[in-house]
Amino acid sequence: MIVVTIIATLEQQADVYSQLLALAKEKTPYLVHNQVDRLNAAIQKERKLLKTAEELEQQRMRLSGQYFTSLNMLRYKGGKISEMIRTVTSPQDKIRLTIVHTELTGLLDELQKVNQLNQQLIEQSLKFIDYSIDLMVEKPIDDITYQHPLSLGYGNARNRLFDTRG
């Protein structure tokens, strides 16, 4: 009976990860096209799903611990799905566990890849912003160059893009 509950929990986790994957893919064009409002809305949805995923994982670990304790296999308490597949005796449960394990593994791998792509897009955007700011602001190297006080141009105000006088 506990195995059936664990399988149901794993299937719920797969559903949540599937939704997280869809959101991660949805965020990619928002990052590319700088659609901040849509990106923020997607991030809010993502936070809720992540909370649900965390709760389901805690439930799975608790149930797995109970399952392995019932088999006197304390070293696997809170253990991996692959360990559970080896110990389940029901062929139907073994098949269902194997299917959901494969599905979860695939979803998590793809989610990691999409999130890495989104992270790279964010880093590129930040680099572009830094570059743009550097183009608009005077270069700090100009301030370091020594000029003799009697030379022409010493102390003259430089042309600046921004007027810093209040």
N, C-alpha and C. Protein backbone atom coordinates (compact mmCIF):
# COMPACT_ATOMS: atom_id res chain seq x y z
N MET A 1 0.81 -1.20 0.00
CA MET A 1 0.00 0.00 0.00
C MET A 1 0.85 1.26 0.00
N ILE A 2 1.93 1.25 0.77
CA ILE A 2 2.79 2.44 0.84
C ILE A 2 3.47 2.70 -0.50
N VAL A 3 3.77 1.63 -1.24
CA VAL A 3 4.41 1.78 -2.55
C VAL A 3 3.46 2.51 -3.50
N VAL A 4 2.18 2.22 -3.43
CA VAL A 4 1.20 2.89 -4.29
C VAL A 4 1.16 4.38 -3.97
N THR A 5 1.25 4.73 -2.68
CA THR A 5 1.27 6.14 -2.27
C THR A 5 2.54 6.82 -2.77
N ILE A 6 3.65 6.11 -2.70
CA ILE A 6 4.93 6.66 -3.19
C ILE A 6 4.84 6.90 -4.71
N ILE A 7 4.28 5.96 -5.42
CA ILE A 7 4.13 6.10 -6.87
C ILE A 7 3.25 7.31 -7.19
N ALA A 8 2.16 7.48 -6.46
CA ALA A 8 1.27 8.63 -6.68
C ALA A 8 2.03 9.94 -6.42
N THR A 9 2.84 9.96 -5.38
CA THR A 9 3.64 11.15 -5.06
C THR A 9 4.64 11.43 -6.18
N LEU A 10 5.28 10.38 -6.69
CA LEU A 10 6.25 10.54 -7.79
C LEU A 10 5.56 11.06 -9.05
N GLU A 11 4.36 10.57 -9.31
CA GLU A 11 3.62 11.04 -10.48
C GLU A 11 3.24 12.52 -10.33
N GLN A 12 2.90 12.92 -9.09
CA GLN A 12 2.63 14.34 -8.84
C GLN A 12 3.89 15.18 -9.06
N GLN A 13 5.02 14.64 -8.60
CA GLN A 13 6.29 15.33 -8.82
C GLN A 13 6.58 15.48 -10.31
N ALA A 14 6.34 14.44 -11.07
CA ALA A 14 6.57 14.50 -12.51
C ALA A 14 5.70 15.57 -13.15
N ASP A 15 4.46 15.68 -12.69
CA ASP A 15 3.56 16.71 -13.21
C ASP A 15 4.08 18.11 -12.88
N VAL A 16 4.54 18.31 -11.66
CA VAL A 16 5.07 19.62 -11.26
C VAL A 16 6.33 19.95 -12.07
N TYR A 17 7.22 18.99 -12.23
CA TYR A 17 8.44 19.23 -13.01
C TYR A 17 8.12 19.51 -14.47
N SER A 18 7.09 18.86 -14.98
CA SER A 18 6.65 19.13 -16.35
C SER A 18 6.18 20.58 -16.48
N GLN A 19 5.43 21.05 -15.49
CA GLN A 19 4.99 22.45 -15.49
C GLN A 19 6.18 23.41 -15.35
N LEU A 20 7.14 23.05 -14.52
CA LEU A 20 8.35 23.88 -14.36
C LEU A 20 9.14 23.95 -15.67
N LEU A 21 9.19 22.83 -16.38
CA LEU A 21 9.89 22.80 -17.66
C LEU A 21 9.19 23.71 -18.67
N ALA A 22 7.87 23.63 -18.72
CA ALA A 22 7.11 24.49 -19.63
C ALA A 22 7.34 25.97 -19.30
N LEU A 23 7.39 26.30 -18.01
CA LEU A 23 7.65 27.70 -17.61
C LEU A 23 9.07 28.13 -17.98
N ALA A 24 10.02 27.24 -17.79
CA ALA A 24 11.41 27.57 -18.13
C ALA A 24 11.54 27.85 -19.62
N LYS A 25 10.86 27.04 -20.43
CA LYS A 25 10.88 27.27 -21.88
C LYS A 25 10.15 28.56 -22.23
N GLU A 26 9.10 28.88 -21.48
CA GLU A 26 8.34 30.11 -21.71
C GLU A 26 9.18 31.34 -21.39
N LYS A 27 10.07 31.21 -20.40
CA LYS A 27 10.90 32.36 -19.99
C LYS A 27 11.96 32.72 -21.01
N THR A 28 12.41 31.76 -21.80
CA THR A 28 13.50 32.01 -22.73
C THR A 28 13.21 33.16 -23.69
N PRO A 29 12.07 33.18 -24.41
CA PRO A 29 11.82 34.33 -25.30
C PRO A 29 11.62 35.64 -24.52
N TYR A 30 11.11 35.55 -23.30
CA TYR A 30 10.97 36.76 -22.49
C TYR A 30 12.33 37.37 -22.19
N LEU A 31 13.30 36.51 -21.95
CA LEU A 31 14.66 36.99 -21.71
C LEU A 31 15.26 37.58 -22.98
N VAL A 32 15.05 36.91 -24.10
CA VAL A 32 15.61 37.36 -25.37
C VAL A 32 15.03 38.71 -25.78
N HIS A 33 13.72 38.88 -25.58
CA HIS A 33 13.04 40.09 -26.04
C HIS A 33 12.84 41.13 -24.93
N ASN A 34 13.48 40.89 -23.78
CA ASN A 34 13.45 41.84 -22.66
C ASN A 34 12.02 42.17 -22.22
N GLN A 35 11.19 41.16 -22.10
CA GLN A 35 9.80 41.33 -21.66
C GLN A 35 9.74 41.09 -20.14
N VAL A 36 10.11 42.12 -19.41
CA VAL A 36 10.29 42.01 -17.96
C VAL A 36 9.00 41.66 -17.23
N ASP A 37 7.88 42.27 -17.62
CA ASP A 37 6.61 41.99 -16.94
C ASP A 37 6.21 40.52 -17.09
N ARG A 38 6.34 40.00 -18.29
CA ARG A 38 6.00 38.59 -18.52
C ARG A 38 6.97 37.67 -17.78
N LEU A 39 8.24 38.06 -17.77
CA LEU A 39 9.25 37.28 -17.06
C LEU A 39 8.93 37.23 -15.56
N ASN A 40 8.57 38.36 -14.99
CA ASN A 40 8.22 38.40 -13.56
C ASN A 40 7.01 37.53 -13.26
N ALA A 41 6.01 37.56 -14.13
CA ALA A 41 4.82 36.72 -13.93
C ALA A 41 5.20 35.23 -13.96
N ALA A 42 6.08 34.87 -14.90
CA ALA A 42 6.53 33.48 -14.99
C ALA A 42 7.33 33.08 -13.75
N ILE A 43 8.13 33.99 -13.24
CA ILE A 43 8.92 33.71 -12.05
C ILE A 43 8.01 33.50 -10.83
N GLN A 44 6.94 34.27 -10.74
CA GLN A 44 5.99 34.09 -9.63
C GLN A 44 5.35 32.71 -9.70
N LYS A 45 4.93 32.29 -10.89
CA LYS A 45 4.36 30.95 -11.06
C LYS A 45 5.39 29.88 -10.68
N GLU A 46 6.63 30.12 -11.11
CA GLU A 46 7.71 29.18 -10.86
C GLU A 46 7.95 29.01 -9.36
N ARG A 47 7.91 30.10 -8.61
CA ARG A 47 8.12 30.02 -7.16
C ARG A 47 7.07 29.14 -6.50
N LYS A 48 5.81 29.29 -6.92
CA LYS A 48 4.74 28.47 -6.35
C LYS A 48 4.97 26.99 -6.67
N LEU A 49 5.36 26.72 -7.91
CA LEU A 49 5.60 25.33 -8.30
C LEU A 49 6.81 24.74 -7.57
N LEU A 50 7.83 25.56 -7.35
CA LEU A 50 9.00 25.07 -6.62
C LEU A 50 8.66 24.73 -5.18
N LYS A 51 7.79 25.51 -4.58
CA LYS A 51 7.35 25.22 -3.22
C LYS A 51 6.60 23.88 -3.19
N THR A 52 5.72 23.68 -4.17
CA THR A 52 4.99 22.42 -4.27
C THR A 52 5.95 21.26 -4.49
N ALA A 53 6.94 21.45 -5.35
CA ALA A 53 7.93 20.40 -5.63
C ALA A 53 8.71 20.04 -4.37
N GLU A 54 9.05 21.04 -3.58
CA GLU A 54 9.79 20.80 -2.35
C GLU A 54 8.93 20.01 -1.35
N GLU A 55 7.66 20.37 -1.23
CA GLU A 55 6.75 19.66 -0.34
C GLU A 55 6.58 18.20 -0.78
N LEU A 56 6.45 17.98 -2.08
CA LEU A 56 6.30 16.61 -2.58
C LEU A 56 7.57 15.80 -2.35
N GLU A 57 8.73 16.43 -2.49
CA GLU A 57 9.99 15.72 -2.26
C GLU A 57 10.11 15.32 -0.79
N GLN A 58 9.72 16.20 0.10
CA GLN A 58 9.76 15.86 1.52
C GLN A 58 8.80 14.70 1.82
N GLN A 59 7.64 14.74 1.21
CA GLN A 59 6.67 13.65 1.39
C GLN A 59 7.23 12.35 0.84
N ARG A 60 7.86 12.40 -0.33
CA ARG A 60 8.45 11.20 -0.93
C ARG A 60 9.53 10.62 -0.03
N MET A 61 10.36 11.49 0.51
CA MET A 61 11.45 11.02 1.37
C MET A 61 10.89 10.38 2.65
N ARG A 62 9.86 11.00 3.21
CA ARG A 62 9.24 10.45 4.42
C ARG A 62 8.64 9.08 4.13
N LEU A 63 7.89 8.98 3.03
CA LEU A 63 7.28 7.70 2.65
C LEU A 63 8.34 6.65 2.32
N SER A 64 9.38 7.06 1.63
CA SER A 64 10.46 6.12 1.31
C SER A 64 11.13 5.62 2.59
N GLY A 65 11.31 6.52 3.52
CA GLY A 65 11.87 6.12 4.81
C GLY A 65 11.00 5.09 5.51
N GLN A 66 9.70 5.30 5.48
CA GLN A 66 8.77 4.34 6.08
C GLN A 66 8.84 2.99 5.36
N TYR A 67 8.92 3.06 4.03
CA TYR A 67 8.98 1.82 3.25
C TYR A 67 10.24 1.02 3.58
N PHE A 68 11.39 1.68 3.56
CA PHE A 68 12.64 0.96 3.82
C PHE A 68 12.73 0.52 5.28
N THR A 69 12.15 1.28 6.19
CA THR A 69 12.11 0.86 7.59
C THR A 69 11.28 -0.41 7.74
N SER A 70 10.17 -0.48 7.01
CA SER A 70 9.31 -1.68 7.08
C SER A 70 10.04 -2.92 6.56
N LEU A 71 11.04 -2.72 5.72
CA LEU A 71 11.84 -3.85 5.20
C LEU A 71 13.11 -4.06 6.01
N ASN A 72 13.28 -3.30 7.09
CA ASN A 72 14.49 -3.34 7.92
C ASN A 72 15.74 -2.99 7.11
N MET A 73 15.60 -2.06 6.18
CA MET A 73 16.72 -1.59 5.37
C MET A 73 16.99 -0.13 5.73
N LEU A 74 17.47 0.08 6.92
CA LEU A 74 17.61 1.44 7.45
C LEU A 74 18.63 2.28 6.69
N ARG A 75 19.60 1.63 6.07
CA ARG A 75 20.60 2.43 5.35
C ARG A 75 20.02 3.10 4.10
N TYR A 76 18.89 2.64 3.62
CA TYR A 76 18.25 3.24 2.45
C TYR A 76 17.14 4.22 2.83
N LYS A 77 16.98 4.50 4.10
CA LYS A 77 15.92 5.37 4.57
C LYS A 77 15.95 6.69 3.80
N GLY A 78 14.82 7.05 3.19
CA GLY A 78 14.77 8.25 2.36
C GLY A 78 15.48 8.05 1.04
N GLY A 79 15.66 6.79 0.67
CA GLY A 79 16.50 6.40 -0.44
C GLY A 79 16.02 6.73 -1.83
N LYS A 80 16.82 6.30 -2.75
CA LYS A 80 16.58 6.56 -4.17
C LYS A 80 15.49 5.66 -4.72
N ILE A 81 14.88 6.15 -5.79
CA ILE A 81 13.83 5.38 -6.46
C ILE A 81 14.42 4.08 -7.02
N SER A 82 15.64 4.16 -7.53
CA SER A 82 16.27 2.97 -8.11
C SER A 82 16.43 1.86 -7.06
N GLU A 83 16.72 2.24 -5.82
CA GLU A 83 16.82 1.25 -4.75
C GLU A 83 15.46 0.63 -4.46
N MET A 84 14.43 1.46 -4.53
CA MET A 84 13.07 0.97 -4.27
C MET A 84 12.65 0.00 -5.37
N ILE A 85 12.99 0.31 -6.61
CA ILE A 85 12.63 -0.58 -7.73
C ILE A 85 13.20 -1.98 -7.50
N ARG A 86 14.42 -2.03 -6.97
CA ARG A 86 15.05 -3.34 -6.72
C ARG A 86 14.34 -4.14 -5.65
N THR A 87 13.71 -3.45 -4.69
CA THR A 87 13.14 -4.15 -3.55
C THR A 87 11.65 -4.46 -3.70
N VAL A 88 10.96 -3.78 -4.61
CA VAL A 88 9.53 -4.00 -4.78
C VAL A 88 9.30 -5.38 -5.40
N THR A 89 8.33 -6.09 -4.84
CA THR A 89 8.05 -7.45 -5.33
C THR A 89 6.93 -7.50 -6.35
N SER A 90 6.02 -6.57 -6.31
CA SER A 90 4.90 -6.56 -7.25
C SER A 90 5.38 -6.13 -8.63
N PRO A 91 5.16 -6.96 -9.66
CA PRO A 91 5.59 -6.58 -11.02
C PRO A 91 4.94 -5.29 -11.51
N GLN A 92 3.68 -5.09 -11.18
CA GLN A 92 2.99 -3.87 -11.62
C GLN A 92 3.62 -2.63 -10.99
N ASP A 93 3.89 -2.70 -9.68
CA ASP A 93 4.50 -1.57 -8.99
C ASP A 93 5.92 -1.32 -9.52
N LYS A 94 6.62 -2.40 -9.79
CA LYS A 94 7.99 -2.27 -10.32
C LYS A 94 7.97 -1.55 -11.67
N ILE A 95 7.01 -1.91 -12.53
CA ILE A 95 6.88 -1.28 -13.85
C ILE A 95 6.53 0.19 -13.71
N ARG A 96 5.54 0.46 -12.86
CA ARG A 96 5.13 1.86 -12.66
C ARG A 96 6.26 2.70 -12.09
N LEU A 97 6.99 2.15 -11.11
CA LEU A 97 8.13 2.87 -10.54
C LEU A 97 9.20 3.13 -11.60
N THR A 98 9.47 2.14 -12.42
CA THR A 98 10.48 2.29 -13.47
C THR A 98 10.06 3.37 -14.47
N ILE A 99 8.81 3.37 -14.85
CA ILE A 99 8.31 4.36 -15.81
C ILE A 99 8.41 5.77 -15.23
N VAL A 100 7.93 5.95 -14.00
CA VAL A 100 7.95 7.29 -13.41
C VAL A 100 9.38 7.72 -13.11
N HIS A 101 10.26 6.78 -12.76
CA HIS A 101 11.67 7.11 -12.54
C HIS A 101 12.32 7.62 -13.82
N THR A 102 12.06 6.93 -14.92
CA THR A 102 12.58 7.35 -16.22
C THR A 102 12.03 8.72 -16.61
N GLU A 103 10.75 8.92 -16.40
CA GLU A 103 10.12 10.20 -16.73
C GLU A 103 10.72 11.34 -15.90
N LEU A 104 10.87 11.11 -14.60
CA LEU A 104 11.44 12.14 -13.73
C LEU A 104 12.89 12.47 -14.13
N THR A 105 13.66 11.45 -14.42
CA THR A 105 15.05 11.67 -14.82
C THR A 105 15.12 12.51 -16.09
N GLY A 106 14.30 12.18 -17.08
CA GLY A 106 14.28 12.95 -18.33
C GLY A 106 13.83 14.39 -18.13
N LEU A 107 12.78 14.57 -17.32
CA LEU A 107 12.28 15.93 -17.05
C LEU A 107 13.34 16.77 -16.34
N LEU A 108 13.98 16.20 -15.34
CA LEU A 108 14.98 16.95 -14.59
C LEU A 108 16.20 17.29 -15.45
N ASP A 109 16.61 16.37 -16.31
CA ASP A 109 17.73 16.65 -17.21
C ASP A 109 17.40 17.79 -18.17
N GLU A 110 16.21 17.73 -18.78
CA GLU A 110 15.80 18.77 -19.72
C GLU A 110 15.61 20.11 -19.01
N LEU A 111 15.04 20.07 -17.81
CA LEU A 111 14.85 21.29 -17.03
C LEU A 111 16.20 21.94 -16.71
N GLN A 112 17.17 21.14 -16.38
CA GLN A 112 18.51 21.67 -16.08
C GLN A 112 19.11 22.33 -17.33
N LYS A 113 18.94 21.73 -18.49
CA LYS A 113 19.49 22.29 -19.73
C LYS A 113 18.82 23.63 -20.07
N VAL A 114 17.50 23.69 -19.95
CA VAL A 114 16.78 24.93 -20.27
C VAL A 114 17.16 26.03 -19.27
N ASN A 115 17.28 25.67 -18.00
CA ASN A 115 17.67 26.66 -17.00
C ASN A 115 19.10 27.15 -17.22
N GLN A 116 19.98 26.29 -17.68
CA GLN A 116 21.35 26.72 -18.01
C GLN A 116 21.33 27.72 -19.17
N LEU A 117 20.52 27.45 -20.18
CA LEU A 117 20.39 28.37 -21.30
C LEU A 117 19.87 29.72 -20.82
N ASN A 118 18.83 29.70 -19.99
CA ASN A 118 18.28 30.95 -19.46
C ASN A 118 19.31 31.70 -18.63
N GLN A 119 20.10 30.97 -17.87
CA GLN A 119 21.16 31.61 -17.06
C GLN A 119 22.18 32.28 -17.97
N GLN A 120 22.55 31.63 -19.07
CA GLN A 120 23.49 32.23 -20.01
C GLN A 120 22.91 33.49 -20.64
N LEU A 121 21.63 33.47 -20.95
CA LEU A 121 20.98 34.65 -21.52
C LEU A 121 20.99 35.80 -20.53
N ILE A 122 20.74 35.51 -19.27
CA ILE A 122 20.77 36.54 -18.24
C ILE A 122 22.18 37.13 -18.12
N GLU A 123 23.19 36.26 -18.11
CA GLU A 123 24.58 36.73 -18.00
C GLU A 123 24.96 37.59 -19.20
N GLN A 124 24.52 37.20 -20.40
CA GLN A 124 24.80 38.01 -21.59
C GLN A 124 24.12 39.37 -21.50
N SER A 125 22.89 39.39 -20.99
CA SER A 125 22.17 40.66 -20.84
C SER A 125 22.90 41.57 -19.86
N LEU A 126 23.38 41.00 -18.77
CA LEU A 126 24.10 41.80 -17.78
C LEU A 126 25.41 42.34 -18.36
N LYS A 127 26.10 41.52 -19.13
CA LYS A 127 27.33 41.99 -19.77
C LYS A 127 27.04 43.13 -20.75
N PHE A 128 25.94 43.00 -21.50
CA PHE A 128 25.57 44.06 -22.44
C PHE A 128 25.24 45.35 -21.69
N ILE A 129 24.53 45.23 -20.58
CA ILE A 129 24.19 46.42 -19.78
C ILE A 129 25.46 47.07 -19.25
N ASP A 130 26.39 46.27 -18.73
CA ASP A 130 27.67 46.82 -18.25
C ASP A 130 28.41 47.52 -19.37
N TYR A 131 28.43 46.90 -20.54
CA TYR A 131 29.10 47.49 -21.69
C TYR A 131 28.45 48.82 -22.07
N SER A 132 27.12 48.85 -22.09
CA SER A 132 26.39 50.07 -22.44
C SER A 132 26.67 51.18 -21.43
N ILE A 133 26.71 50.84 -20.17
CA ILE A 133 27.01 51.84 -19.14
C ILE A 133 28.43 52.36 -19.31
N ASP A 134 29.36 51.48 -19.60
CA ASP A 134 30.75 51.90 -19.81
C ASP A 134 30.86 52.87 -20.98
N LEU A 135 30.05 52.69 -22.01
CA LEU A 135 30.09 53.60 -23.15
C LEU A 135 29.58 54.99 -22.79
N MET A 136 28.62 55.05 -21.86
CA MET A 136 28.02 56.34 -21.51
C MET A 136 28.78 57.10 -20.43
N VAL A 137 29.53 56.41 -19.63
CA VAL A 137 30.23 57.03 -18.51
C VAL A 137 31.69 57.18 -18.88
N GLU A 138 32.30 58.25 -18.37
CA GLU A 138 33.72 58.47 -18.69
C GLU A 138 34.56 57.33 -18.15
N LYS A 139 35.66 57.12 -18.76
CA LYS A 139 36.53 56.04 -18.36
C LYS A 139 37.36 56.46 -17.14
N PRO A 140 37.44 55.60 -16.12
CA PRO A 140 38.18 55.95 -14.91
C PRO A 140 39.68 56.09 -15.16
N ILE A 141 40.21 55.50 -16.24
CA ILE A 141 41.64 55.59 -16.53
C ILE A 141 42.03 57.04 -16.79
N ASP A 142 41.12 57.86 -17.34
CA ASP A 142 41.41 59.26 -17.61
C ASP A 142 41.72 60.01 -16.32
N ASP A 143 41.13 59.63 -15.22
CA ASP A 143 41.34 60.32 -13.96
C ASP A 143 42.69 60.00 -13.35
N ILE A 144 43.29 58.90 -13.75
CA ILE A 144 44.53 58.47 -13.14
C ILE A 144 45.74 59.16 -13.77
N THR A 145 45.64 59.62 -15.00
CA THR A 145 46.76 60.21 -15.73
C THR A 145 47.21 61.50 -15.05
N TYR A 146 48.50 61.60 -14.81
CA TYR A 146 49.06 62.78 -14.17
C TYR A 146 49.22 63.89 -15.18
N GLN A 147 48.86 65.12 -14.78
CA GLN A 147 49.14 66.31 -15.57
C GLN A 147 49.78 67.33 -14.66
N HIS A 148 50.77 67.98 -15.19
CA HIS A 148 51.44 69.04 -14.42
C HIS A 148 50.46 70.20 -14.28
N PRO A 149 50.38 70.81 -13.09
CA PRO A 149 49.42 71.88 -12.86
C PRO A 149 49.58 73.08 -13.79
N LEU A 150 50.76 73.34 -14.34
CA LEU A 150 50.96 74.49 -15.20
C LEU A 150 50.69 74.19 -16.68
N SER A 151 50.43 72.93 -17.00
CA SER A 151 50.19 72.59 -18.41
C SER A 151 48.80 73.04 -18.85
N LEU A 152 48.67 73.23 -20.17
CA LEU A 152 47.38 73.64 -20.72
C LEU A 152 46.36 72.53 -20.51
N GLY A 153 45.17 72.91 -20.18
CA GLY A 153 44.09 71.95 -20.03
C GLY A 153 43.96 71.40 -18.64
N TYR A 154 44.91 71.71 -17.73
CA TYR A 154 44.82 71.18 -16.37
C TYR A 154 43.64 71.85 -15.66
N GLY A 155 42.79 71.05 -15.08
CA GLY A 155 41.68 71.58 -14.31
C GLY A 155 40.47 71.98 -15.14
N ASN A 156 40.58 71.93 -16.48
CA ASN A 156 39.42 72.25 -17.30
C ASN A 156 38.38 71.14 -17.17
N ALA A 157 37.16 71.55 -17.18
CA ALA A 157 36.08 70.57 -17.10
C ALA A 157 36.03 69.78 -18.41
N ARG A 158 35.85 68.51 -18.29
CA ARG A 158 35.75 67.67 -19.48
C ARG A 158 34.32 67.63 -19.96
N ASN A 159 34.17 67.36 -21.24
CA ASN A 159 32.82 67.15 -21.76
C ASN A 159 32.31 65.82 -21.24
N ARG A 160 31.15 65.87 -20.63
CA ARG A 160 30.56 64.66 -20.08
C ARG A 160 29.20 64.44 -20.69
N LEU A 161 28.84 63.15 -20.73
CA LEU A 161 27.52 62.80 -21.23
C LEU A 161 26.45 63.20 -20.23
N PHE A 162 26.76 63.05 -18.96
CA PHE A 162 25.84 63.43 -17.91
C PHE A 162 26.35 64.66 -17.18
N ASP A 163 25.48 65.59 -16.89
CA ASP A 163 25.85 66.76 -16.13
C ASP A 163 25.75 66.40 -14.66
N THR A 164 26.90 66.32 -13.97
CA THR A 164 26.89 65.91 -12.57
C THR A 164 26.70 67.09 -11.63
N ARG A 165 26.68 68.30 -12.17
CA ARG A 165 26.42 69.47 -11.31
C ARG A 165 24.93 69.51 -11.05
N GLY A 166 24.53 69.64 -9.81
CA GLY A 166 23.12 69.61 -9.42
C GLY A 166 22.31 70.65 -9.99
